[in-house]
Structure formats: C-alpha cells, structure tokens
Amino acid sequence: MKRWRIHREDGAVRLELGRLWFVRCAPPRPGSAGHPNCWMVAWRRRLPEWDHESHERLKTARAVAHAEWVYQKIKDEEYATEARETAEREAAANTAQASRLRAIDQLLAQRGKKL
C-alpha cells in the first residue's frame, strides 16, 4: 500500500493516497467569498498536468484538424457543385433533344395529314 502524502498551502490541506485525494479548501480570506471550508474527495485519472508546451501542441493539432476538415468540406462542396452543374447540363441537353423530337413528331404528323 502506498504511503500518505500530505500537502499544505495557504490554509488548504491535501491528503494523497495514490490516486485518491482528500482535499480541504482554505477558509475564505477577509473580504472574499472563497471556497467553503469542507472536505472533498477526488479520484485522479492519471491525466497529465497542464503545461504551456502541451497546450500549444494541442492547440496547433486542433487548428490543423479544423483546417483539414474545412478543406475536405470545400472539396465536397466543389464536387457537389460540379455534379449539380453536370446534371443541369444533361437536363438542358435532354430538354433540347426532347423539344427537337417533339418538333420532328409535329412535322411528321403535319406531313402525314397532308399526304
């Protein structure tokens, strides 16, 4: 079993038994609300402590991931726009072809009536 570790700072006390921490907040200072003077239980999950270098690396990684997401979204929108334009061109071509076929049918119908 691990030994207890005791940490005192500005009236606060922290008793550590491995990942299980018992923390007593410091009493409020004169003129400030502060924390309630009570015991709290904390279970540390072995997460790293905050440091500026790790924060900057994470910030950069998030920015890169966001930029890649935006780039992919733009590419998807360009593909969708291109597909929509192709479909519109095909529809226009089909419409033009359909009107030509209707005109030919009308001419044939008129000639057939005249003959």
N, C-alpha and C. Protein backbone atom coordinates (compact mmCIF):
# COMPACT_ATOMS: atom_id res chain seq x y z
N MET A 1 0.83 -1.17 0.00
CA MET A 1 0.00 0.00 0.00
C MET A 1 0.88 1.25 0.00
N LYS A 2 0.46 2.23 -0.75
CA LYS A 2 1.24 3.47 -0.84
C LYS A 2 1.12 4.27 0.45
N ARG A 3 2.11 5.09 0.65
CA ARG A 3 2.09 5.96 1.83
C ARG A 3 1.26 7.20 1.55
N TRP A 4 0.76 7.76 2.63
CA TRP A 4 0.04 9.02 2.53
C TRP A 4 1.03 10.12 2.17
N ARG A 5 0.57 11.05 1.39
CA ARG A 5 1.34 12.25 1.10
C ARG A 5 0.49 13.43 1.52
N ILE A 6 1.07 14.35 2.27
CA ILE A 6 0.31 15.49 2.78
C ILE A 6 0.88 16.76 2.15
N HIS A 7 -0.03 17.58 1.65
CA HIS A 7 0.37 18.84 1.02
C HIS A 7 -0.43 19.96 1.68
N ARG A 8 0.28 20.97 2.19
CA ARG A 8 -0.39 22.13 2.81
C ARG A 8 -0.01 23.39 2.06
N GLU A 9 -1.03 24.24 1.84
CA GLU A 9 -0.75 25.50 1.15
C GLU A 9 -1.85 26.51 1.48
N ASP A 10 -1.49 27.64 2.01
CA ASP A 10 -2.41 28.75 2.31
C ASP A 10 -3.66 28.31 3.06
N GLY A 11 -3.51 27.44 4.04
CA GLY A 11 -4.65 27.01 4.83
C GLY A 11 -5.39 25.84 4.25
N ALA A 12 -5.05 25.43 3.01
CA ALA A 12 -5.68 24.26 2.40
C ALA A 12 -4.82 23.04 2.71
N VAL A 13 -5.46 21.89 2.75
CA VAL A 13 -4.74 20.64 3.02
C VAL A 13 -5.16 19.62 1.97
N ARG A 14 -4.18 18.86 1.49
CA ARG A 14 -4.48 17.78 0.54
C ARG A 14 -3.78 16.52 1.05
N LEU A 15 -4.56 15.49 1.30
CA LEU A 15 -4.04 14.19 1.69
C LEU A 15 -4.13 13.27 0.48
N GLU A 16 -3.01 12.72 0.05
CA GLU A 16 -2.98 11.90 -1.14
C GLU A 16 -2.64 10.46 -0.78
N LEU A 17 -3.46 9.56 -1.25
CA LEU A 17 -3.19 8.14 -1.12
C LEU A 17 -3.27 7.55 -2.53
N GLY A 18 -2.17 7.61 -3.23
CA GLY A 18 -2.17 7.20 -4.63
C GLY A 18 -3.04 8.15 -5.43
N ARG A 19 -4.02 7.57 -6.13
CA ARG A 19 -4.90 8.42 -6.96
C ARG A 19 -6.08 8.96 -6.17
N LEU A 20 -6.26 8.53 -4.95
CA LEU A 20 -7.35 9.02 -4.11
C LEU A 20 -6.87 10.21 -3.29
N TRP A 21 -7.52 11.35 -3.50
CA TRP A 21 -7.13 12.58 -2.80
C TRP A 21 -8.28 13.04 -1.91
N PHE A 22 -7.94 13.49 -0.71
CA PHE A 22 -8.89 14.16 0.18
C PHE A 22 -8.41 15.60 0.29
N VAL A 23 -9.26 16.53 -0.08
CA VAL A 23 -8.86 17.95 -0.15
C VAL A 23 -9.75 18.76 0.78
N ARG A 24 -9.13 19.61 1.59
CA ARG A 24 -9.89 20.55 2.41
C ARG A 24 -9.52 21.95 1.95
N CYS A 25 -10.52 22.69 1.47
CA CYS A 25 -10.29 24.03 0.95
C CYS A 25 -9.88 24.97 2.08
N ALA A 26 -9.18 26.00 1.69
CA ALA A 26 -8.80 27.02 2.66
C ALA A 26 -10.02 27.83 3.05
N PRO A 27 -10.07 28.31 4.28
CA PRO A 27 -11.19 29.16 4.66
C PRO A 27 -11.14 30.47 3.88
N PRO A 28 -12.29 31.12 3.72
CA PRO A 28 -12.30 32.36 2.95
C PRO A 28 -11.45 33.43 3.62
N ARG A 29 -10.79 34.20 2.78
CA ARG A 29 -9.99 35.31 3.30
C ARG A 29 -10.91 36.48 3.59
N PRO A 30 -10.51 37.36 4.45
CA PRO A 30 -11.36 38.52 4.73
C PRO A 30 -11.65 39.32 3.46
N GLY A 31 -12.90 39.60 3.22
CA GLY A 31 -13.29 40.40 2.06
C GLY A 31 -13.53 39.59 0.80
N SER A 32 -13.39 38.25 0.84
CA SER A 32 -13.65 37.45 -0.36
C SER A 32 -14.57 36.29 0.00
N ALA A 33 -15.30 35.83 -1.01
CA ALA A 33 -16.23 34.72 -0.77
C ALA A 33 -15.47 33.43 -0.54
N GLY A 34 -14.45 33.16 -1.36
CA GLY A 34 -13.64 31.96 -1.19
C GLY A 34 -14.42 30.68 -1.40
N HIS A 35 -13.85 29.57 -0.95
CA HIS A 35 -14.48 28.26 -1.02
C HIS A 35 -15.06 27.91 0.34
N PRO A 36 -16.02 27.01 0.36
CA PRO A 36 -16.49 26.55 1.67
C PRO A 36 -15.39 25.74 2.34
N ASN A 37 -15.31 25.83 3.61
CA ASN A 37 -14.27 25.13 4.36
C ASN A 37 -14.75 23.70 4.63
N CYS A 38 -14.63 22.83 3.61
CA CYS A 38 -15.13 21.47 3.75
C CYS A 38 -14.19 20.49 3.05
N TRP A 39 -14.36 19.21 3.35
CA TRP A 39 -13.55 18.17 2.73
C TRP A 39 -14.18 17.73 1.40
N MET A 40 -13.33 17.46 0.44
CA MET A 40 -13.78 16.95 -0.86
C MET A 40 -12.96 15.71 -1.17
N VAL A 41 -13.55 14.81 -1.93
CA VAL A 41 -12.86 13.60 -2.36
C VAL A 41 -12.63 13.71 -3.86
N ALA A 42 -11.40 13.42 -4.29
CA ALA A 42 -11.06 13.49 -5.71
C ALA A 42 -10.38 12.19 -6.12
N TRP A 43 -10.73 11.69 -7.28
CA TRP A 43 -10.08 10.50 -7.81
C TRP A 43 -9.34 10.92 -9.07
N ARG A 44 -8.01 10.93 -8.99
CA ARG A 44 -7.20 11.35 -10.13
C ARG A 44 -7.18 10.24 -11.17
N ARG A 45 -7.27 10.63 -12.44
CA ARG A 45 -7.32 9.63 -13.51
C ARG A 45 -6.01 9.54 -14.28
N ARG A 46 -4.93 9.93 -13.68
CA ARG A 46 -3.60 9.90 -14.29
C ARG A 46 -3.53 10.75 -15.54
N LEU A 47 -4.29 11.82 -15.57
CA LEU A 47 -4.20 12.76 -16.67
C LEU A 47 -2.98 13.65 -16.44
N PRO A 48 -2.34 14.08 -17.50
CA PRO A 48 -1.15 14.91 -17.31
C PRO A 48 -1.51 16.28 -16.74
N GLU A 49 -0.59 16.84 -16.01
CA GLU A 49 -0.78 18.19 -15.50
C GLU A 49 -0.69 19.16 -16.68
N TRP A 50 -1.31 20.31 -16.54
CA TRP A 50 -1.31 21.30 -17.61
C TRP A 50 0.07 21.93 -17.71
N ASP A 51 0.58 22.02 -18.92
CA ASP A 51 1.79 22.79 -19.16
C ASP A 51 1.64 23.52 -20.49
N HIS A 52 2.32 24.63 -20.61
CA HIS A 52 2.14 25.51 -21.77
C HIS A 52 2.52 24.83 -23.08
N GLU A 53 3.60 24.06 -23.06
CA GLU A 53 4.07 23.41 -24.29
C GLU A 53 3.03 22.42 -24.82
N SER A 54 2.48 21.60 -23.94
CA SER A 54 1.45 20.64 -24.36
C SER A 54 0.20 21.38 -24.86
N HIS A 55 -0.14 22.46 -24.18
CA HIS A 55 -1.30 23.25 -24.59
C HIS A 55 -1.11 23.79 -26.01
N GLU A 56 0.08 24.30 -26.30
CA GLU A 56 0.34 24.84 -27.64
C GLU A 56 0.30 23.74 -28.69
N ARG A 57 0.86 22.56 -28.37
CA ARG A 57 0.83 21.44 -29.31
C ARG A 57 -0.61 21.02 -29.59
N LEU A 58 -1.43 20.95 -28.53
CA LEU A 58 -2.82 20.59 -28.71
C LEU A 58 -3.57 21.64 -29.54
N LYS A 59 -3.29 22.90 -29.26
CA LYS A 59 -3.93 23.99 -29.98
C LYS A 59 -3.58 23.92 -31.47
N THR A 60 -2.30 23.64 -31.76
CA THR A 60 -1.86 23.52 -33.14
C THR A 60 -2.52 22.32 -33.82
N ALA A 61 -2.56 21.19 -33.10
CA ALA A 61 -3.18 19.99 -33.68
C ALA A 61 -4.66 20.23 -33.97
N ARG A 62 -5.36 20.90 -33.06
CA ARG A 62 -6.78 21.21 -33.30
C ARG A 62 -6.94 22.12 -34.51
N ALA A 63 -6.05 23.12 -34.64
CA ALA A 63 -6.13 24.04 -35.78
C ALA A 63 -5.89 23.30 -37.09
N VAL A 64 -4.93 22.38 -37.10
CA VAL A 64 -4.63 21.61 -38.31
C VAL A 64 -5.82 20.71 -38.65
N ALA A 65 -6.39 20.04 -37.65
CA ALA A 65 -7.54 19.17 -37.89
C ALA A 65 -8.71 19.98 -38.43
N HIS A 66 -8.93 21.17 -37.88
CA HIS A 66 -10.03 22.02 -38.36
C HIS A 66 -9.78 22.45 -39.79
N ALA A 67 -8.53 22.83 -40.10
CA ALA A 67 -8.20 23.25 -41.47
C ALA A 67 -8.42 22.10 -42.45
N GLU A 68 -8.04 20.89 -42.06
CA GLU A 68 -8.26 19.73 -42.94
C GLU A 68 -9.75 19.47 -43.13
N TRP A 69 -10.53 19.64 -42.05
CA TRP A 69 -11.97 19.45 -42.15
C TRP A 69 -12.59 20.48 -43.11
N VAL A 70 -12.16 21.74 -42.97
CA VAL A 70 -12.68 22.80 -43.85
C VAL A 70 -12.30 22.52 -45.30
N TYR A 71 -11.04 22.09 -45.52
CA TYR A 71 -10.58 21.77 -46.88
C TYR A 71 -11.44 20.65 -47.47
N GLN A 72 -11.68 19.60 -46.68
CA GLN A 72 -12.49 18.48 -47.17
C GLN A 72 -13.92 18.94 -47.47
N LYS A 73 -14.46 19.80 -46.60
CA LYS A 73 -15.82 20.30 -46.82
C LYS A 73 -15.89 21.11 -48.12
N ILE A 74 -14.87 21.93 -48.37
CA ILE A 74 -14.83 22.72 -49.60
C ILE A 74 -14.75 21.79 -50.80
N LYS A 75 -13.89 20.75 -50.70
CA LYS A 75 -13.77 19.80 -51.81
C LYS A 75 -15.10 19.10 -52.06
N ASP A 76 -15.80 18.71 -50.97
CA ASP A 76 -17.10 18.07 -51.12
C ASP A 76 -18.11 19.02 -51.77
N GLU A 77 -18.08 20.30 -51.36
CA GLU A 77 -18.99 21.28 -51.96
C GLU A 77 -18.67 21.50 -53.43
N GLU A 78 -17.36 21.53 -53.76
CA GLU A 78 -16.97 21.69 -55.17
C GLU A 78 -17.46 20.50 -55.98
N TYR A 79 -17.31 19.28 -55.42
CA TYR A 79 -17.78 18.09 -56.11
C TYR A 79 -19.29 18.15 -56.30
N ALA A 80 -20.01 18.56 -55.24
CA ALA A 80 -21.46 18.65 -55.32
C ALA A 80 -21.88 19.70 -56.36
N THR A 81 -21.17 20.83 -56.37
CA THR A 81 -21.47 21.88 -57.34
C THR A 81 -21.21 21.37 -58.76
N GLU A 82 -20.09 20.68 -58.95
CA GLU A 82 -19.75 20.14 -60.27
C GLU A 82 -20.80 19.11 -60.70
N ALA A 83 -21.21 18.25 -59.79
CA ALA A 83 -22.23 17.24 -60.11
C ALA A 83 -23.55 17.91 -60.45
N ARG A 84 -23.91 18.96 -59.70
CA ARG A 84 -25.16 19.68 -59.97
C ARG A 84 -25.10 20.35 -61.34
N GLU A 85 -23.95 20.98 -61.67
CA GLU A 85 -23.82 21.63 -62.97
C GLU A 85 -23.89 20.61 -64.10
N THR A 86 -23.26 19.44 -63.90
CA THR A 86 -23.32 18.39 -64.92
C THR A 86 -24.76 17.92 -65.11
N ALA A 87 -25.47 17.73 -63.99
CA ALA A 87 -26.86 17.30 -64.08
C ALA A 87 -27.71 18.35 -64.79
N GLU A 88 -27.46 19.63 -64.50
CA GLU A 88 -28.21 20.70 -65.17
C GLU A 88 -27.91 20.72 -66.66
N ARG A 89 -26.63 20.53 -67.03
CA ARG A 89 -26.27 20.49 -68.46
C ARG A 89 -26.95 19.32 -69.16
N GLU A 90 -26.94 18.15 -68.48
CA GLU A 90 -27.59 16.97 -69.07
C GLU A 90 -29.10 17.19 -69.20
N ALA A 91 -29.68 17.82 -68.18
CA ALA A 91 -31.13 18.09 -68.23
C ALA A 91 -31.43 19.06 -69.37
N ALA A 92 -30.59 20.08 -69.52
CA ALA A 92 -30.79 21.03 -70.61
C ALA A 92 -30.64 20.34 -71.96
N ALA A 93 -29.64 19.46 -72.07
CA ALA A 93 -29.44 18.72 -73.32
C ALA A 93 -30.64 17.81 -73.59
N ASN A 94 -31.11 17.15 -72.54
CA ASN A 94 -32.27 16.28 -72.71
C ASN A 94 -33.50 17.09 -73.08
N THR A 95 -33.64 18.28 -72.50
CA THR A 95 -34.77 19.14 -72.83
C THR A 95 -34.69 19.58 -74.28
N ALA A 96 -33.47 19.96 -74.70
CA ALA A 96 -33.30 20.38 -76.10
C ALA A 96 -33.58 19.21 -77.03
N GLN A 97 -33.09 18.03 -76.67
CA GLN A 97 -33.33 16.85 -77.51
C GLN A 97 -34.83 16.51 -77.53
N ALA A 98 -35.47 16.62 -76.39
CA ALA A 98 -36.90 16.33 -76.32
C ALA A 98 -37.68 17.32 -77.17
N SER A 99 -37.30 18.63 -77.13
CA SER A 99 -38.02 19.59 -77.97
C SER A 99 -37.78 19.32 -79.45
N ARG A 100 -36.56 18.89 -79.82
CA ARG A 100 -36.30 18.55 -81.22
C ARG A 100 -37.16 17.36 -81.65
N LEU A 101 -37.24 16.35 -80.77
CA LEU A 101 -38.07 15.19 -81.09
C LEU A 101 -39.54 15.57 -81.22
N ARG A 102 -40.02 16.45 -80.36
CA ARG A 102 -41.41 16.91 -80.46
C ARG A 102 -41.64 17.65 -81.78
N ALA A 103 -40.66 18.48 -82.15
CA ALA A 103 -40.79 19.23 -83.42
C ALA A 103 -40.83 18.27 -84.60
N ILE A 104 -39.97 17.26 -84.57
CA ILE A 104 -39.96 16.27 -85.66
C ILE A 104 -41.30 15.52 -85.69
N ASP A 105 -41.81 15.14 -84.52
CA ASP A 105 -43.10 14.44 -84.46
C ASP A 105 -44.21 15.32 -85.03
N GLN A 106 -44.17 16.60 -84.70
CA GLN A 106 -45.19 17.52 -85.21
C GLN A 106 -45.09 17.63 -86.73
N LEU A 107 -43.85 17.74 -87.25
CA LEU A 107 -43.67 17.83 -88.71
C LEU A 107 -44.17 16.56 -89.40
N LEU A 108 -43.81 15.43 -88.82
CA LEU A 108 -44.27 14.18 -89.41
C LEU A 108 -45.80 14.08 -89.36
N ALA A 109 -46.36 14.54 -88.25
CA ALA A 109 -47.82 14.49 -88.12
C ALA A 109 -48.47 15.40 -89.16
N GLN A 110 -47.86 16.60 -89.37
CA GLN A 110 -48.42 17.50 -90.37
C GLN A 110 -48.29 16.94 -91.77
N ARG A 111 -47.16 16.36 -92.11
CA ARG A 111 -46.97 15.78 -93.44
C ARG A 111 -47.89 14.59 -93.65
N GLY A 112 -48.03 13.84 -92.56
CA GLY A 112 -48.93 12.68 -92.69
C GLY A 112 -50.36 13.11 -92.94
N LYS A 113 -50.76 14.19 -92.35
CA LYS A 113 -52.10 14.71 -92.57
C LYS A 113 -52.25 15.26 -93.97
N LYS A 114 -51.18 15.89 -94.46
CA LYS A 114 -51.26 16.49 -95.80
C LYS A 114 -51.23 15.41 -96.88
N LEU A 115 -50.51 14.34 -96.61
CA LEU A 115 -50.41 13.30 -97.64
C LEU A 115 -51.72 12.58 -97.71
